[in-house]
Amino acid sequence: MTESLKNVELMIAGMTCAMCARTIERPLKDLDGTTDAEVNLGNETVRIIYSS
């Protein structure tokens, strides 16, 4: 069975600094099945790529 990658973008309110973004991004990257997670502080979003 072939795994396919999926992409989701979520809004995150309340981030005020790069440390906030890193605090959110790091644990997401460690989740099983997550290929990548990237927080954008400027537009308050996180993009997560994961396998299904």
N, C-alpha and C. Protein backbone atom coordinates (compact mmCIF):
# COMPACT_ATOMS: atom_id res chain seq x y z
N MET A 1 0.84 -1.17 0.00
CA MET A 1 0.00 0.00 0.00
C MET A 1 0.89 1.24 0.00
N THR A 2 0.58 2.19 -0.84
CA THR A 2 1.37 3.41 -0.95
C THR A 2 0.78 4.49 -0.05
N GLU A 3 1.66 5.14 0.72
CA GLU A 3 1.21 6.24 1.56
C GLU A 3 1.15 7.51 0.72
N SER A 4 0.10 8.28 0.91
CA SER A 4 0.02 9.55 0.20
C SER A 4 0.21 10.68 1.21
N LEU A 5 0.83 11.75 0.74
CA LEU A 5 1.07 12.90 1.61
C LEU A 5 -0.11 13.87 1.50
N LYS A 6 -0.51 14.38 2.62
CA LYS A 6 -1.59 15.36 2.66
C LYS A 6 -1.04 16.64 3.27
N ASN A 7 -1.69 17.74 2.96
CA ASN A 7 -1.24 19.06 3.36
C ASN A 7 -2.42 19.80 3.98
N VAL A 8 -2.23 20.36 5.17
CA VAL A 8 -3.29 21.13 5.80
C VAL A 8 -2.68 22.43 6.32
N GLU A 9 -3.43 23.51 6.22
CA GLU A 9 -2.99 24.80 6.75
C GLU A 9 -4.02 25.28 7.77
N LEU A 10 -3.54 25.62 8.96
CA LEU A 10 -4.42 26.02 10.06
C LEU A 10 -4.05 27.42 10.54
N MET A 11 -5.04 28.16 10.97
CA MET A 11 -4.81 29.48 11.56
C MET A 11 -4.44 29.30 13.03
N ILE A 12 -3.49 30.11 13.50
CA ILE A 12 -3.09 30.11 14.90
C ILE A 12 -3.06 31.55 15.38
N ALA A 13 -3.89 31.87 16.33
CA ALA A 13 -3.95 33.25 16.86
C ALA A 13 -3.10 33.36 18.12
N GLY A 14 -2.55 34.53 18.33
CA GLY A 14 -1.86 34.82 19.58
C GLY A 14 -0.36 34.67 19.57
N MET A 15 0.23 34.31 18.44
CA MET A 15 1.70 34.21 18.39
C MET A 15 2.28 35.61 18.35
N THR A 16 3.27 35.85 19.20
CA THR A 16 3.85 37.19 19.27
C THR A 16 5.33 37.24 18.93
N CYS A 17 5.99 36.07 18.84
CA CYS A 17 7.42 36.08 18.59
C CYS A 17 7.86 34.78 17.93
N ALA A 18 9.10 34.74 17.50
CA ALA A 18 9.65 33.55 16.86
C ALA A 18 9.67 32.36 17.82
N MET A 19 9.85 32.61 19.10
CA MET A 19 9.85 31.52 20.07
C MET A 19 8.47 30.87 20.16
N CYS A 20 7.42 31.67 20.04
CA CYS A 20 6.06 31.10 20.00
C CYS A 20 5.92 30.16 18.82
N ALA A 21 6.38 30.60 17.67
CA ALA A 21 6.29 29.78 16.46
C ALA A 21 7.08 28.49 16.63
N ARG A 22 8.26 28.58 17.17
CA ARG A 22 9.10 27.40 17.36
C ARG A 22 8.47 26.43 18.36
N THR A 23 7.85 26.96 19.41
CA THR A 23 7.20 26.14 20.42
C THR A 23 6.05 25.34 19.82
N ILE A 24 5.40 25.88 18.82
CA ILE A 24 4.31 25.18 18.14
C ILE A 24 4.86 24.20 17.11
N GLU A 25 5.85 24.64 16.36
CA GLU A 25 6.39 23.87 15.24
C GLU A 25 7.11 22.59 15.68
N ARG A 26 7.93 22.69 16.68
CA ARG A 26 8.78 21.55 17.08
C ARG A 26 7.98 20.30 17.45
N PRO A 27 6.99 20.39 18.33
CA PRO A 27 6.24 19.16 18.67
C PRO A 27 5.44 18.60 17.49
N LEU A 28 4.98 19.47 16.60
CA LEU A 28 4.25 18.99 15.43
C LEU A 28 5.15 18.13 14.55
N LYS A 29 6.40 18.54 14.40
CA LYS A 29 7.35 17.79 13.58
C LYS A 29 7.65 16.41 14.18
N ASP A 30 7.50 16.29 15.49
CA ASP A 30 7.80 15.03 16.17
C ASP A 30 6.65 14.03 16.16
N LEU A 31 5.47 14.44 15.72
CA LEU A 31 4.32 13.53 15.69
C LEU A 31 4.52 12.44 14.65
N ASP A 32 4.11 11.23 15.00
CA ASP A 32 4.18 10.11 14.04
C ASP A 32 3.35 10.45 12.81
N GLY A 33 3.93 10.22 11.64
CA GLY A 33 3.22 10.46 10.39
C GLY A 33 3.41 11.85 9.83
N THR A 34 3.93 12.78 10.65
CA THR A 34 4.15 14.13 10.16
C THR A 34 5.47 14.19 9.41
N THR A 35 5.41 14.67 8.18
CA THR A 35 6.61 14.81 7.35
C THR A 35 7.26 16.16 7.58
N ASP A 36 6.43 17.22 7.72
CA ASP A 36 6.96 18.56 7.93
C ASP A 36 5.89 19.42 8.56
N ALA A 37 6.33 20.44 9.30
CA ALA A 37 5.44 21.44 9.87
C ALA A 37 6.18 22.77 9.78
N GLU A 38 5.47 23.78 9.30
CA GLU A 38 6.10 25.08 9.12
C GLU A 38 5.15 26.18 9.59
N VAL A 39 5.58 26.91 10.61
CA VAL A 39 4.78 28.01 11.15
C VAL A 39 5.19 29.30 10.45
N ASN A 40 4.18 30.07 10.05
CA ASN A 40 4.41 31.38 9.47
C ASN A 40 3.90 32.41 10.48
N LEU A 41 4.84 33.07 11.15
CA LEU A 41 4.49 34.03 12.19
C LEU A 41 3.75 35.23 11.61
N GLY A 42 4.13 35.66 10.43
CA GLY A 42 3.54 36.85 9.81
C GLY A 42 2.06 36.74 9.55
N ASN A 43 1.62 35.58 9.04
CA ASN A 43 0.18 35.45 8.77
C ASN A 43 -0.51 34.49 9.74
N GLU A 44 0.18 34.13 10.81
CA GLU A 44 -0.35 33.31 11.90
C GLU A 44 -0.98 32.00 11.40
N THR A 45 -0.20 31.24 10.62
CA THR A 45 -0.67 29.95 10.14
C THR A 45 0.40 28.89 10.38
N VAL A 46 -0.03 27.65 10.34
CA VAL A 46 0.90 26.52 10.35
C VAL A 46 0.49 25.61 9.20
N ARG A 47 1.46 25.16 8.44
CA ARG A 47 1.25 24.21 7.35
C ARG A 47 1.85 22.89 7.79
N ILE A 48 1.05 21.85 7.75
CA ILE A 48 1.49 20.53 8.19
C ILE A 48 1.36 19.56 7.01
N ILE A 49 2.44 18.84 6.75
CA ILE A 49 2.43 17.80 5.73
C ILE A 49 2.53 16.47 6.47
N TYR A 50 1.62 15.56 6.17
CA TYR A 50 1.59 14.29 6.88
C TYR A 50 1.20 13.17 5.94
N SER A 51 1.53 11.96 6.32
CA SER A 51 1.18 10.79 5.52
C SER A 51 -0.12 10.19 6.06
N SER A 52 -0.87 9.64 5.13
CA SER A 52 -2.14 9.04 5.55
C SER A 52 -2.15 7.55 5.28
